[in-house]
Amino acid sequence: MTGLIVPIVAMAAKSEGAAIHRASANIAQALSEATGNSWVCDCRFIQGLDLQNPNIANSIIVTSLGSEVDAADRWEDAEPRLRKFYAGLCESGRPVFICTVLRHTGASASAIAMRRRVRIRRLNLLAAYLSREYGAFVIDIDRKFADVGARRIPTDYTLQGEAAEKLASDVIAMEVVLNGLDGFVSVAIQDRAKALLVESRSTATLLEIKPSSLMAIGQGRHKQIVNTVVDTNPRSHASWLINQVMQGRIPLSQAFEKLHQAIRSRGARQSFAMLASGVARLIGRRT
């Protein structure tokens, strides 16, 4: 173990800074809990892609291609420039991470929006090539957002907004713990830190972003995300929920929370009618 500080140098668009800062805090917290010591991620942002910057030495390097979306140069000039930069950056042997760009520029059909979409696709494809050719690690922000349903998240390629910041920070923190800490902690500690990140971060983020039909069951390492919608009949949903409570699979407090959400979305009369119907359906099955 080289110390209780993990130096991180970030090169990213200004709007992505909050997610990277949050990811650094997540990493430090996971390492602290995994080791019983106090860890700090010293995250420094540098302007521009400068290989001679002294802050790069012995640091984990987190970069994002988001700052290239609105770059003025043509792609024919941008691609060789980026290839040359990452070739030099990876040559040192430091852990180098490349964040992909969320492929969402809004609903606009303007020429600017179309240009951004094309540019983002090219940048994300380039990230895969850079990883294969130079050994950089890809933090696939775009893929993760697609997995959880990016349309539900009020953001775009800039990653602004609380939900986008949380999800992006989860992805960044996990990839750095998986691939960037060999020079700082043992593999066993990395595994513990990974488990802590999964338990304390990812589950909460998914619940905040996913539809309200999702519910967390259990605690700690036994926590699971389940879908309470088992068919398209809302009365079946109510009977399923009651059955889960009666079998001890869902705490009563969570059942009341689901009822509260139903009242807010459907109204008290319809919600209680569904609840009564669910009880009747459940009794009918048992008789």
Protein backbone atom coordinates (compact mmCIF):
# COMPACT_ATOMS: atom_id res chain seq x y z
CA MET A 1 0.00 0.00 0.00
CA THR A 2 1.52 3.33 -1.10
CA GLY A 3 -0.53 5.61 1.13
CA LEU A 4 -4.00 6.81 1.98
CA ILE A 5 -4.31 9.25 -0.90
CA VAL A 6 -5.43 8.34 -4.42
CA PRO A 7 -4.42 11.11 -6.85
CA ILE A 8 -6.82 11.59 -9.75
CA VAL A 9 -6.31 13.98 -12.63
CA ALA A 10 -9.43 14.78 -14.64
CA MET A 11 -9.66 16.26 -18.12
CA ALA A 12 -13.32 16.81 -18.93
CA ALA A 13 -15.92 19.36 -19.86
CA LYS A 14 -16.83 21.74 -17.05
CA SER A 15 -20.39 20.36 -16.89
CA GLU A 16 -19.02 16.86 -16.16
CA GLY A 17 -16.95 18.00 -13.20
CA ALA A 18 -19.65 17.38 -10.58
CA ALA A 19 -19.99 13.71 -11.57
CA ILE A 20 -16.23 13.15 -11.41
CA HIS A 21 -15.96 14.89 -8.03
CA ARG A 22 -18.79 12.74 -6.68
CA ALA A 23 -17.13 9.61 -8.09
CA SER A 24 -13.88 10.53 -6.30
CA ALA A 25 -15.76 10.89 -3.02
CA ASN A 26 -17.45 7.51 -3.60
CA ILE A 27 -14.09 5.83 -4.19
CA ALA A 28 -12.59 7.36 -1.05
CA GLN A 29 -15.56 6.28 1.04
CA ALA A 30 -15.47 2.71 -0.31
CA LEU A 31 -11.72 2.42 0.36
CA SER A 32 -12.14 3.82 3.85
CA GLU A 33 -14.85 1.31 4.70
CA ALA A 34 -12.94 -1.56 3.06
CA THR A 35 -9.70 -0.88 4.97
CA GLY A 36 -10.82 0.75 8.20
CA ASN A 37 -8.55 3.72 7.44
CA SER A 38 -9.30 7.20 6.18
CA TRP A 39 -8.75 7.55 2.42
CA VAL A 40 -8.92 10.67 0.27
CA CYS A 41 -9.15 10.99 -3.49
CA ASP A 42 -7.18 14.08 -4.45
CA CYS A 43 -9.04 14.98 -7.65
CA ARG A 44 -7.54 17.77 -9.71
CA PHE A 45 -8.92 19.17 -12.94
CA ILE A 46 -6.56 20.47 -15.56
CA GLN A 47 -7.45 22.56 -18.57
CA GLY A 48 -6.64 21.15 -21.96
CA LEU A 49 -4.96 17.91 -22.90
CA ASP A 50 -1.43 18.68 -21.76
CA LEU A 51 0.90 15.69 -21.47
CA GLN A 52 3.56 17.83 -19.77
CA ASN A 53 1.36 18.85 -16.84
CA PRO A 54 3.21 17.79 -13.64
CA ASN A 55 -0.06 16.81 -11.93
CA ILE A 56 -0.33 13.82 -14.28
CA ALA A 57 2.64 12.00 -12.75
CA ASN A 58 1.64 8.93 -10.69
CA SER A 59 -2.04 9.80 -10.99
CA ILE A 60 -5.10 7.96 -12.21
CA ILE A 61 -6.22 9.84 -15.29
CA VAL A 62 -9.92 10.24 -16.03
CA THR A 63 -10.74 11.88 -19.34
CA SER A 64 -13.97 12.52 -21.15
CA LEU A 65 -14.71 12.97 -24.81
CA GLY A 66 -17.61 15.25 -23.90
CA SER A 67 -15.39 18.30 -24.29
CA GLU A 68 -14.92 17.33 -27.96
CA VAL A 69 -18.60 17.42 -28.91
CA ASP A 70 -18.62 21.12 -29.76
CA ALA A 71 -14.99 21.38 -30.84
CA ALA A 72 -14.60 23.61 -33.87
CA ASP A 73 -12.24 21.43 -35.89
CA ARG A 74 -13.43 18.96 -38.49
CA TRP A 75 -13.52 15.27 -37.64
CA GLU A 76 -10.78 14.61 -40.19
CA ASP A 77 -8.51 16.76 -38.04
CA ALA A 78 -9.91 15.84 -34.62
CA GLU A 79 -9.47 12.07 -34.92
CA PRO A 80 -5.69 12.05 -35.57
CA ARG A 81 -5.23 14.70 -32.88
CA LEU A 82 -7.03 12.57 -30.29
CA ARG A 83 -5.24 9.40 -31.37
CA LYS A 84 -1.88 11.08 -30.96
CA PHE A 85 -2.79 12.45 -27.55
CA TYR A 86 -4.05 9.15 -26.14
CA ALA A 87 -1.13 7.24 -27.59
CA GLY A 88 1.22 9.50 -25.62
CA LEU A 89 -0.95 9.44 -22.52
CA CYS A 90 -1.15 5.64 -22.39
CA GLU A 91 2.53 5.15 -23.20
CA SER A 92 3.49 6.10 -19.64
CA GLY A 93 1.66 3.08 -18.21
CA ARG A 94 -0.60 5.14 -15.94
CA PRO A 95 -4.25 4.01 -15.67
CA VAL A 96 -6.06 6.06 -18.32
CA PHE A 97 -9.87 6.15 -18.47
CA ILE A 98 -12.02 7.52 -21.29
CA CYS A 99 -15.64 8.44 -20.60
CA THR A 100 -17.98 8.05 -23.55
CA VAL A 101 -20.65 10.65 -24.32
CA LEU A 102 -24.38 10.28 -23.77
CA ARG A 103 -26.05 10.22 -27.18
CA HIS A 104 -28.77 12.71 -26.35
CA THR A 105 -28.76 16.25 -27.64
CA GLY A 106 -32.42 17.08 -27.11
CA ALA A 107 -35.37 16.81 -29.46
CA SER A 108 -34.18 19.57 -31.76
CA ALA A 109 -33.83 18.79 -35.45
CA SER A 110 -31.55 21.74 -36.05
CA ALA A 111 -28.31 21.47 -37.94
CA ILE A 112 -26.36 21.95 -34.69
CA ALA A 113 -28.16 19.06 -33.00
CA MET A 114 -27.58 16.79 -36.00
CA ARG A 115 -23.90 17.70 -36.05
CA ARG A 116 -23.61 16.89 -32.35
CA ARG A 117 -25.25 13.50 -32.78
CA VAL A 118 -22.88 12.53 -35.56
CA ARG A 119 -19.90 13.79 -33.60
CA ILE A 120 -20.93 11.87 -30.47
CA ARG A 121 -21.27 8.60 -32.40
CA ARG A 122 -17.82 9.08 -33.87
CA LEU A 123 -16.30 9.93 -30.50
CA ASN A 124 -17.80 6.88 -28.80
CA LEU A 125 -16.59 4.60 -31.57
CA LEU A 126 -13.15 6.16 -31.30
CA ALA A 127 -13.08 5.40 -27.56
CA ALA A 128 -13.38 1.68 -28.35
CA TYR A 129 -10.55 1.90 -30.88
CA LEU A 130 -8.34 3.80 -28.44
CA SER A 131 -8.95 1.18 -25.78
CA ARG A 132 -8.01 -1.66 -28.10
CA GLU A 133 -4.98 0.06 -29.60
CA TYR A 134 -3.45 1.80 -26.57
CA GLY A 135 -4.85 0.03 -23.51
CA ALA A 136 -7.05 2.81 -22.13
CA PHE A 137 -10.08 1.79 -20.07
CA VAL A 138 -13.48 2.86 -21.39
CA ILE A 139 -16.07 4.18 -18.92
CA ASP A 140 -19.15 3.66 -21.03
CA ILE A 141 -21.46 6.39 -19.76
CA ASP A 142 -23.67 6.13 -22.83
CA ARG A 143 -24.20 2.37 -22.41
CA LYS A 144 -25.05 2.65 -18.71
CA PHE A 145 -27.60 5.38 -19.27
CA ALA A 146 -29.21 3.30 -22.01
CA ASP A 147 -29.38 0.30 -19.65
CA VAL A 148 -31.43 2.19 -17.06
CA GLY A 149 -33.57 4.11 -19.55
CA ALA A 150 -31.96 7.43 -20.45
CA ARG A 151 -35.25 8.99 -21.55
CA ARG A 152 -36.36 9.13 -17.91
CA ILE A 153 -33.34 11.19 -16.91
CA PRO A 154 -33.70 14.95 -17.47
CA THR A 155 -30.30 15.59 -19.02
CA ASP A 156 -28.35 15.50 -22.26
CA TYR A 157 -24.77 14.90 -23.36
CA THR A 158 -23.56 17.49 -20.84
CA LEU A 159 -24.69 15.28 -17.90
CA GLN A 160 -26.21 18.16 -15.99
CA GLY A 161 -28.82 17.42 -13.34
CA GLU A 162 -28.83 15.51 -10.04
CA ALA A 163 -29.94 12.13 -11.43
CA ALA A 164 -27.44 12.22 -14.29
CA GLU A 165 -24.66 13.24 -11.93
CA LYS A 166 -25.40 10.36 -9.55
CA LEU A 167 -25.57 7.71 -12.24
CA ALA A 168 -22.46 8.93 -14.04
CA SER A 169 -20.52 9.06 -10.77
CA ASP A 170 -21.51 5.46 -10.00
CA VAL A 171 -20.20 4.29 -13.36
CA ILE A 172 -16.94 6.24 -13.06
CA ALA A 173 -16.26 5.13 -9.49
CA MET A 174 -16.88 1.47 -10.29
CA GLU A 175 -14.58 1.43 -13.31
CA VAL A 176 -11.77 3.16 -11.43
CA VAL A 177 -12.05 0.70 -8.54
CA LEU A 178 -12.09 -2.24 -10.94
CA ASN A 179 -9.15 -1.16 -13.08
CA GLY A 180 -7.20 1.72 -11.55
CA LEU A 181 -6.18 0.86 -8.00
CA ASP A 182 -3.50 -1.82 -8.46
CA GLY A 183 -0.81 0.65 -7.43
CA PHE A 184 -2.60 1.63 -4.24
CA VAL A 185 -4.34 -1.36 -2.60
CA SER A 186 -4.44 -5.13 -2.82
CA VAL A 187 -6.86 -7.09 -4.99
CA ALA A 188 -8.76 -8.21 -1.87
CA ILE A 189 -9.37 -4.60 -0.84
CA GLN A 190 -10.40 -3.72 -4.37
CA ASP A 191 -12.97 -6.51 -4.27
CA ARG A 192 -14.35 -5.25 -0.94
CA ALA A 193 -14.52 -1.70 -2.25
CA LYS A 194 -16.34 -2.92 -5.35
CA ALA A 195 -18.92 -4.76 -3.23
CA LEU A 196 -19.44 -1.66 -1.11
CA LEU A 197 -20.01 0.49 -4.18
CA VAL A 198 -22.55 -1.98 -5.54
CA GLU A 199 -24.40 -2.08 -2.23
CA SER A 200 -24.39 1.56 -1.25
CA ARG A 201 -24.53 3.38 -4.56
CA SER A 202 -25.86 1.51 -7.56
CA THR A 203 -29.02 0.16 -5.94
CA ALA A 204 -30.08 3.58 -4.67
CA THR A 205 -29.38 5.21 -8.04
CA LEU A 206 -31.40 2.63 -9.95
CA LEU A 207 -34.36 3.12 -7.62
CA GLU A 208 -34.27 6.87 -8.14
CA ILE A 209 -34.11 6.63 -11.93
CA LYS A 210 -36.11 3.53 -12.76
CA PRO A 211 -39.93 3.54 -12.89
CA SER A 212 -41.86 3.53 -9.63
CA SER A 213 -42.82 -0.11 -10.21
CA LEU A 214 -39.36 -1.11 -8.98
CA MET A 215 -38.81 -1.91 -5.31
CA ALA A 216 -35.82 -2.93 -3.20
CA ILE A 217 -36.32 -6.12 -1.21
CA GLY A 218 -33.96 -7.20 1.56
CA GLN A 219 -30.99 -5.44 3.09
CA GLY A 220 -27.24 -5.27 2.61
CA ARG A 221 -25.76 -7.83 0.25
CA HIS A 222 -29.14 -9.58 -0.03
CA LYS A 223 -30.84 -6.47 -1.42
CA GLN A 224 -32.52 -7.08 -4.78
CA ILE A 225 -34.41 -4.90 -7.24
CA VAL A 226 -37.76 -6.41 -8.21
CA ASN A 227 -40.58 -5.28 -10.47
CA THR A 228 -43.92 -5.09 -8.69
CA VAL A 229 -45.81 -5.02 -12.00
CA VAL A 230 -46.49 -8.62 -12.92
CA ASP A 231 -49.18 -8.04 -15.54
CA THR A 232 -51.17 -5.17 -17.05
CA ASN A 233 -54.11 -5.44 -14.62
CA PRO A 234 -53.66 -2.92 -11.76
CA ARG A 235 -55.78 -5.03 -9.41
CA SER A 236 -53.32 -7.91 -9.88
CA HIS A 237 -50.52 -5.58 -8.78
CA ALA A 238 -52.33 -4.89 -5.50
CA SER A 239 -52.93 -8.56 -4.75
CA TRP A 240 -49.30 -9.37 -5.57
CA LEU A 241 -48.12 -6.68 -3.15
CA ILE A 242 -50.41 -7.90 -0.36
CA ASN A 243 -49.23 -11.46 -0.90
CA GLN A 244 -45.59 -10.38 -0.66
CA VAL A 245 -46.26 -8.60 2.64
CA MET A 246 -48.08 -11.59 4.09
CA GLN A 247 -45.17 -13.87 3.17
CA GLY A 248 -42.68 -11.51 4.78
CA ARG A 249 -40.88 -10.73 1.53
CA ILE A 250 -41.66 -7.02 1.62
CA PRO A 251 -41.67 -4.91 4.81
CA LEU A 252 -44.97 -3.31 5.69
CA SER A 253 -43.34 0.13 5.51
CA GLN A 254 -42.50 -0.41 1.84
CA ALA A 255 -46.03 -1.56 1.11
CA PHE A 256 -47.38 1.67 2.63
CA GLU A 257 -44.91 3.62 0.52
CA LYS A 258 -46.23 1.93 -2.61
CA LEU A 259 -49.79 2.72 -1.51
CA HIS A 260 -48.80 6.35 -0.96
CA GLN A 261 -47.32 6.50 -4.48
CA ALA A 262 -50.51 4.98 -5.91
CA ILE A 263 -52.67 7.57 -4.15
CA ARG A 264 -50.54 10.39 -5.52
CA SER A 265 -50.70 9.05 -9.07
CA ARG A 266 -54.25 7.60 -9.23
CA GLY A 267 -56.15 9.28 -6.40
CA ALA A 268 -57.40 7.91 -3.09
CA ARG A 269 -60.69 6.44 -4.36
CA GLN A 270 -59.19 4.41 -7.19
CA SER A 271 -56.20 3.34 -5.09
CA PHE A 272 -58.33 2.00 -2.23
CA ALA A 273 -60.67 0.32 -4.71
CA MET A 274 -57.65 -1.47 -6.19
CA LEU A 275 -56.50 -2.45 -2.70
CA ALA A 276 -59.92 -3.87 -1.81
CA SER A 277 -60.05 -5.74 -5.09
CA GLY A 278 -56.57 -7.12 -4.45
CA VAL A 279 -57.62 -8.42 -1.04
CA ALA A 280 -60.68 -10.04 -2.59
CA ARG A 281 -58.57 -11.69 -5.31
CA LEU A 282 -56.14 -13.00 -2.71
CA ILE A 283 -58.95 -14.42 -0.53
CA GLY A 284 -60.48 -16.01 -3.59
CA ARG A 285 -57.24 -17.83 -4.37
CA ARG A 286 -57.02 -19.23 -0.85
CA THR A 287 -60.59 -20.53 -0.70
